[in-house]
Structures are given as structure tokens and as C-alpha cells.
């Protein structure tokens, strides 16, 4: 027997063992990453993106359904089978579906950016205190510390009374977010899944935003300004800018279509003129 095949018959079991060892090594590395918490943010971001993509797809389907229903009702209105109120309601529902679809698309973009950031953090391999869960816990505790300053310092509470008034809309929103973050916070010894971490991370993000808004509103009122009126004016200005951009986009689209139509007409006219000249030359 050939020496090579003799050796292969003798040590045939080596290849499967090496392959199995490689698989176990990769699986063990992933398990260590999961158990250490380094992959927690990445896995949660992947799950969030998957959910956002599903919601965006569902919202696109809802837009198509709403548009189809509106088209049918408009045709029925033209035939006298549907009243104007029903058509108006269908048009409103179609607009709402389109807004939800745009919001879902924006959420997908945000979740993609979040996944990219989590992937970068995973590649860096930060120290244990900078891993996703400890970092989120620290952010939660930082907001609570800032909040307790208003609760324990009479001077701050006198200067900014709405920070202790649950009837104030922004303070009420903050207190609601604080309760949600408290309920989502994992126990010290609990094994946290990516879905649980994602929910807690989002709750802490809402807590930070609502606290910043409540604090800004309290300071505005202390200066004699009405933050709600200022926000409404800012939202109206933003709404007018969005409307202007939509009008400009629509005008540009109409202009492009008109230009294309004019170019097609000129081309057809020139082709017709050349055809007439050829016929005249033959005659």
C-alpha cells in the first residue's frame, strides 16, 4: 500500500477532531463575549434593527392598502355611491399611514446607526466598566443623582419649583420615564437578554431626554419665559419649513415633467420636419 494512504488510514480521525476543535473554539469565544457582556449591545442593536425593518415593511403595506381603499372610494364618489365625508376620512387615514411609514423608515436609519456604533464598540474591546450594561447603569444613576439634587436642596427647589411639581407636563413626562427605567432596570445578579437590555437602554435614553427637557423648562420659567409657547413656535416654524420643502420638491418635479414633455414635443416636431423634407426631396 502507498505510504500516504497508509498514513491516512492510520490517522483518519485527526481531521474531524481538528475541525470540531475549531468549531468549539469559535463557539467558546462567542460564548465568552456573551457572558462577559461585550456582545450585549451588539446583539440588542441587531434585534432592534430586525424589529424596525419588520415594522417598516408592515407600514409600507399599510400605505398601499390605505391608498387602494382611497382610490376605490374616490371612484365610488364619482359614481355617487360614496359620500364626501367617507372619502375625506379615507384620505386622512392614508395620510396617517404615510406619516407612520416615514417615521418607520427614520427608525430603521436610526437603528442602523446604532448597530454600526455597537459593532465599532465590540471591535474596540473596551474595559469592563465601558461595556454596554455597566455604561447604561451609570447613565441611569447619573440622571437619578441630578434629580435628587432638586429633591434634597431647598434652594434649588425654590429657584425651580416646577421640578417638584408632577402637574407640570415636562416634569410628569420625566417622572413617567423614571418609573419605566426603574421597572426595566435588571437585578444585579440577573442574566440579561439582548431584548431586555434593549428595552432598558431605550428607557434610560427616554429618561435622559425627558429630564433634560424638564430641567430646561424649569429654568425657562424661572427666567420668565413660557417654554411651551416657545416649543410650539419652533414646531410651527419646522412645519412651515417641511411644507416649503415639499412644495419646492413638488414644483421641481412638475417642472422636470414639463421640461421632459417639452423636449419630447420638440424632438417629435423636429423628426416630423425632417420627414417632410425627405419626402419633398423625393418628390
Protein backbone atom coordinates (compact mmCIF):
# COMPACT_ATOMS: atom_id res chain seq x y z
CA UNK A 1 0.00 0.00 0.00
CA UNK A 2 1.15 3.54 -0.75
CA UNK A 3 2.72 5.12 2.38
CA UNK A 4 0.50 8.21 2.07
CA UNK A 5 -2.72 6.20 2.05
CA UNK A 6 -1.40 4.03 4.84
CA UNK A 7 -0.83 7.11 6.99
CA UNK A 8 -4.24 8.47 6.05
CA UNK A 9 -5.87 5.21 7.12
CA UNK A 10 -3.93 5.28 10.38
CA UNK A 11 -4.75 8.88 11.35
CA UNK A 12 -8.14 9.44 9.65
CA UNK A 13 -9.62 10.64 12.95
CA UNK A 14 -7.31 13.68 13.19
CA UNK A 15 -9.18 15.88 10.67
CA UNK A 16 -12.64 15.59 12.31
CA UNK A 17 -11.11 16.28 15.73
CA UNK A 18 -9.32 19.40 14.46
CA UNK A 19 -12.46 20.65 12.71
CA UNK A 20 -14.54 20.02 15.81
CA UNK A 21 -11.95 21.80 17.94
CA UNK A 22 -12.07 24.84 15.66
CA UNK A 23 -15.86 24.97 15.85
CA UNK A 24 -15.77 24.64 19.63
CA UNK A 25 -13.11 27.34 19.84
CA UNK A 26 -15.24 29.80 17.84
CA UNK A 27 -18.34 28.90 19.81
CA UNK A 28 -16.41 29.27 23.05
CA UNK A 29 -15.13 32.71 22.04
CA UNK A 30 -18.66 33.85 21.23
CA UNK A 31 -19.92 32.43 24.50
CA UNK A 32 -17.20 34.29 26.40
CA UNK A 33 -18.17 37.52 24.65
CA UNK A 34 -21.80 36.96 25.57
CA UNK A 35 -21.09 36.01 29.16
CA UNK A 36 -18.77 39.00 29.60
CA UNK A 37 -21.47 41.36 28.32
CA UNK A 38 -19.38 42.72 25.47
CA UNK A 39 -21.82 41.46 22.82
CA UNK A 40 -24.92 42.59 24.69
CA UNK A 41 -25.19 45.97 22.99
CA UNK A 42 -24.43 44.50 19.57
CA UNK A 43 -26.97 41.69 19.91
CA UNK A 44 -29.61 44.15 21.18
CA UNK A 45 -28.91 46.51 18.26
CA UNK A 46 -29.28 43.65 15.76
CA UNK A 47 -32.61 42.68 17.33
CA UNK A 48 -33.81 46.29 17.29
CA UNK A 49 -32.90 46.67 13.62
CA UNK A 50 -34.71 43.45 12.75
CA UNK A 51 -37.84 44.68 14.55
CA UNK A 52 -37.57 48.11 12.90
CA UNK A 53 -37.29 46.53 9.44
CA UNK A 54 -40.37 44.42 10.12
CA UNK A 55 -42.35 47.46 11.28
CA UNK A 56 -41.20 49.47 8.26
CA UNK A 57 -42.33 46.70 5.91
CA UNK A 58 -45.70 46.49 7.67
CA UNK A 59 -46.13 50.26 7.44
CA UNK A 60 -45.40 50.20 3.69
CA UNK A 61 -48.05 47.52 3.23
CA UNK A 62 -50.49 49.65 5.27
CA UNK A 63 -49.81 52.63 2.98
CA UNK A 64 -50.59 50.57 -0.13
CA UNK A 65 -53.80 49.28 1.44
CA UNK A 66 -54.87 52.77 2.51
CA UNK A 67 -54.17 54.18 -0.96
CA UNK A 68 -56.09 51.37 -2.64
CA UNK A 69 -59.08 51.94 -0.36
CA UNK A 70 -58.93 55.68 -1.04
CA UNK A 71 -58.82 55.08 -4.80
CA UNK A 72 -61.87 52.83 -4.59
CA UNK A 73 -63.81 55.36 -2.51
CA UNK A 74 -62.91 58.20 -4.85
CA UNK A 75 -64.22 56.14 -7.77
CA UNK A 76 -67.34 55.38 -5.75
CA UNK A 77 -67.76 59.09 -5.00
CA UNK A 78 -67.59 59.88 -8.72
CA UNK A 79 -70.31 57.30 -9.31
CA UNK A 80 -72.43 58.67 -6.48
CA UNK A 81 -72.05 55.55 -4.31
CA UNK A 82 -69.93 57.19 -1.57
CA UNK A 83 -70.38 60.44 0.32
CA UNK A 84 -67.73 63.15 0.72
CA UNK A 85 -67.22 62.52 4.45
CA UNK A 86 -66.19 58.90 3.84
CA UNK A 87 -63.69 59.97 1.18
CA UNK A 88 -62.27 62.65 3.49
CA UNK A 89 -61.82 60.13 6.29
CA UNK A 90 -60.09 57.68 3.93
CA UNK A 91 -57.81 60.47 2.75
CA UNK A 92 -56.93 61.28 6.37
CA UNK A 93 -56.19 57.62 7.10
CA UNK A 94 -53.97 57.43 4.03
CA UNK A 95 -52.01 60.50 5.21
CA UNK A 96 -51.62 58.99 8.68
CA UNK A 97 -50.36 55.74 7.16
CA UNK A 98 -47.81 57.66 5.08
CA UNK A 99 -46.60 59.54 8.17
CA UNK A 100 -46.20 56.30 10.08
CA UNK A 101 -44.29 54.83 7.15
CA UNK A 102 -41.91 57.79 7.09
CA UNK A 103 -41.41 57.50 10.85
CA UNK A 104 -40.72 53.77 10.49
CA UNK A 105 -38.16 54.46 7.75
CA UNK A 106 -36.46 57.02 10.01
CA UNK A 107 -36.43 54.45 12.82
CA UNK A 108 -34.68 51.97 10.53
CA UNK A 109 -31.98 54.54 9.75
CA UNK A 110 -31.51 55.26 13.45
CA UNK A 111 -31.29 51.55 14.29
CA UNK A 112 -28.72 51.01 11.53
CA UNK A 113 -26.57 53.79 13.01
CA UNK A 114 -26.99 52.24 16.43
CA UNK A 115 -25.86 48.86 15.10
CA UNK A 116 -22.80 50.44 13.46
CA UNK A 117 -21.86 52.09 16.77
CA UNK A 118 -22.34 48.82 18.66
CA UNK A 119 -20.20 46.96 16.10
CA UNK A 120 -17.44 49.55 16.49
CA UNK A 121 -17.54 49.25 20.27
CA UNK A 122 -17.38 45.47 20.01
CA UNK A 123 -14.29 45.69 17.81
CA UNK A 124 -12.55 48.09 20.19
CA UNK A 125 -12.96 45.82 23.21
CA UNK A 126 -13.43 48.45 25.90
CA UNK A 127 -12.71 47.91 29.58
CA UNK A 128 -15.44 46.20 31.67
CA UNK A 129 -16.85 49.46 33.04
CA UNK A 130 -17.40 50.76 29.49
CA UNK A 131 -19.34 47.71 28.35
CA UNK A 132 -22.99 48.21 27.38
CA UNK A 133 -24.75 47.26 30.61
CA UNK A 134 -22.41 48.98 33.10
CA UNK A 135 -22.39 52.10 30.94
CA UNK A 136 -26.20 52.19 30.80
CA UNK A 137 -26.45 51.63 34.55
CA UNK A 138 -24.04 54.51 35.11
CA UNK A 139 -26.09 56.79 32.83
CA UNK A 140 -29.24 55.84 34.76
CA UNK A 141 -27.59 56.58 38.11
CA UNK A 142 -26.25 59.92 36.82
CA UNK A 143 -29.76 61.14 35.99
CA UNK A 144 -31.06 59.98 39.36
CA UNK A 145 -28.24 61.85 41.09
CA UNK A 146 -29.10 65.07 39.25
CA UNK A 147 -32.77 64.58 40.10
CA UNK A 148 -32.04 64.03 43.79
CA UNK A 149 -30.25 67.38 43.89
CA UNK A 150 -33.62 69.07 43.31
CA UNK A 151 -35.28 66.83 45.88
CA UNK A 152 -32.74 67.45 48.65
CA UNK A 153 -31.68 71.06 48.06
CA UNK A 154 -34.41 73.55 49.18
CA UNK A 155 -32.63 76.37 47.36
CA UNK A 156 -32.82 74.57 44.02
CA UNK A 157 -36.46 73.67 44.55
CA UNK A 158 -37.33 77.28 45.40
CA UNK A 159 -35.47 78.50 42.33
CA UNK A 160 -37.03 75.90 40.04
CA UNK A 161 -40.38 74.90 41.61
CA UNK A 162 -41.73 73.00 38.59
CA UNK A 163 -39.04 70.35 39.07
CA UNK A 164 -41.03 69.19 42.09
CA UNK A 165 -44.48 69.66 40.54
CA UNK A 166 -45.87 66.49 38.95
CA UNK A 167 -48.66 68.54 37.36
CA UNK A 168 -46.16 70.20 35.05
CA UNK A 169 -46.27 68.37 31.69
CA UNK A 170 -42.50 68.05 31.23
CA UNK A 171 -41.94 67.02 34.86
CA UNK A 172 -44.78 64.50 34.59
CA UNK A 173 -43.18 63.04 31.45
CA UNK A 174 -39.87 62.75 33.30
CA UNK A 175 -41.47 61.02 36.31
CA UNK A 176 -43.19 58.57 33.96
CA UNK A 177 -39.89 57.83 32.22
CA UNK A 178 -38.19 57.41 35.60
CA UNK A 179 -40.72 54.76 36.61
CA UNK A 180 -40.28 52.95 33.29
CA UNK A 181 -36.49 52.93 33.64
CA UNK A 182 -36.78 51.68 37.22
CA UNK A 183 -39.01 48.80 36.12
CA UNK A 184 -36.72 47.90 33.20
CA UNK A 185 -33.52 48.01 35.28
CA UNK A 186 -32.11 44.48 35.65
CA UNK A 187 -31.32 43.00 39.04
CA UNK A 188 -27.59 42.93 39.95
CA UNK A 189 -27.32 39.15 39.59
CA UNK A 190 -29.79 38.70 36.73
CA UNK A 191 -28.75 37.30 33.35
CA UNK A 192 -29.81 39.97 30.86
CA UNK A 193 -31.00 39.02 27.37
CA UNK A 194 -30.47 41.31 24.36
CA UNK A 195 -34.21 42.15 24.29
CA UNK A 196 -34.18 43.08 27.98
CA UNK A 197 -31.07 45.18 27.57
CA UNK A 198 -32.53 46.96 24.53
CA UNK A 199 -35.68 47.83 26.48
CA UNK A 200 -33.63 49.11 29.42
CA UNK A 201 -31.27 51.10 27.18
CA UNK A 202 -34.21 52.79 25.42
CA UNK A 203 -35.86 53.53 28.79
CA UNK A 204 -32.69 55.21 30.04
CA UNK A 205 -32.44 57.22 26.81
CA UNK A 206 -36.02 58.46 27.33
CA UNK A 207 -35.18 59.25 30.95
CA UNK A 208 -32.22 61.39 29.94
CA UNK A 209 -34.19 63.24 27.27
CA UNK A 210 -37.21 63.94 29.48
CA UNK A 211 -35.04 65.07 32.39
CA UNK A 212 -33.15 67.47 30.13
CA UNK A 213 -36.45 68.84 28.82
CA UNK A 214 -37.94 69.21 32.32
CA UNK A 215 -34.80 70.97 33.54
CA UNK A 216 -34.74 73.32 30.54
CA UNK A 217 -38.44 74.15 31.00
CA UNK A 218 -37.95 74.84 34.72
CA UNK A 219 -35.06 77.19 34.02
CA UNK A 220 -37.03 78.94 31.28
CA UNK A 221 -39.92 79.57 33.64
CA UNK A 222 -37.51 80.86 36.27
CA UNK A 223 -36.38 83.42 33.67
CA UNK A 224 -39.98 84.44 32.96
CA UNK A 225 -40.30 82.62 29.63
CA UNK A 226 -43.02 80.19 28.57
CA UNK A 227 -41.27 77.06 27.23
CA UNK A 228 -44.47 75.54 25.82
CA UNK A 229 -45.14 78.61 23.65
CA UNK A 230 -41.51 78.62 22.52
CA UNK A 231 -41.73 74.96 21.55
CA UNK A 232 -44.98 75.50 19.69
CA UNK A 233 -43.43 78.34 17.72
CA UNK A 234 -40.40 76.20 16.94
CA UNK A 235 -42.63 73.31 15.82
CA UNK A 236 -44.69 75.64 13.62
CA UNK A 237 -41.52 77.00 12.07
CA UNK A 238 -40.29 73.47 11.45
CA UNK A 239 -43.67 72.55 9.99
CA UNK A 240 -43.56 75.53 7.63
CA UNK A 241 -40.04 74.58 6.57
CA UNK A 242 -41.12 70.99 5.88
CA UNK A 243 -44.15 72.22 3.94
CA UNK A 244 -41.97 74.61 1.94
CA UNK A 245 -39.53 71.82 1.14
CA UNK A 246 -42.40 69.60 -0.01
CA UNK A 247 -43.78 72.40 -2.20
CA UNK A 248 -40.34 73.03 -3.66
CA UNK A 249 -39.89 69.32 -4.31
CA UNK A 250 -43.32 69.14 -5.94
CA UNK A 251 -42.62 72.25 -8.01
CA UNK A 252 -39.29 70.83 -9.10
CA UNK A 253 -40.97 67.55 -10.05
CA UNK A 254 -43.65 69.38 -12.02
CA UNK A 255 -41.01 71.50 -13.73
CA UNK A 256 -38.96 68.42 -14.62
CA UNK A 257 -42.02 66.72 -16.10
CA UNK A 258 -42.92 69.85 -18.06
CA UNK A 259 -39.35 70.12 -19.35
CA UNK A 260 -39.36 66.47 -20.39
CA UNK A 261 -42.69 66.89 -22.12
CA UNK A 262 -41.46 70.00 -23.95
CA UNK A 263 -38.27 68.23 -25.01
CA UNK A 264 -40.28 65.27 -26.29
CA UNK A 265 -42.59 67.60 -28.22
CA UNK A 266 -39.64 69.47 -29.79
CA UNK A 267 -37.98 66.17 -30.73
CA UNK A 268 -41.19 64.90 -32.28
CA UNK A 269 -41.66 68.18 -34.17
CA UNK A 270 -38.08 68.11 -35.48
CA UNK A 271 -38.47 64.48 -36.54
CA UNK A 272 -41.67 65.37 -38.32
CA UNK A 273 -39.93 68.28 -40.07
CA UNK A 274 -37.06 66.08 -41.22
CA UNK A 275 -39.52 63.52 -42.54
CA UNK A 276 -41.35 66.20 -44.51
CA UNK A 277 -38.08 67.45 -46.01
CA UNK A 278 -37.11 63.93 -47.11
CA UNK A 279 -40.48 63.45 -48.77
CA UNK A 280 -40.17 66.83 -50.52
CA UNK A 281 -36.69 65.86 -51.78
CA UNK A 282 -38.01 62.62 -53.23
CA UNK A 283 -40.82 64.48 -54.95
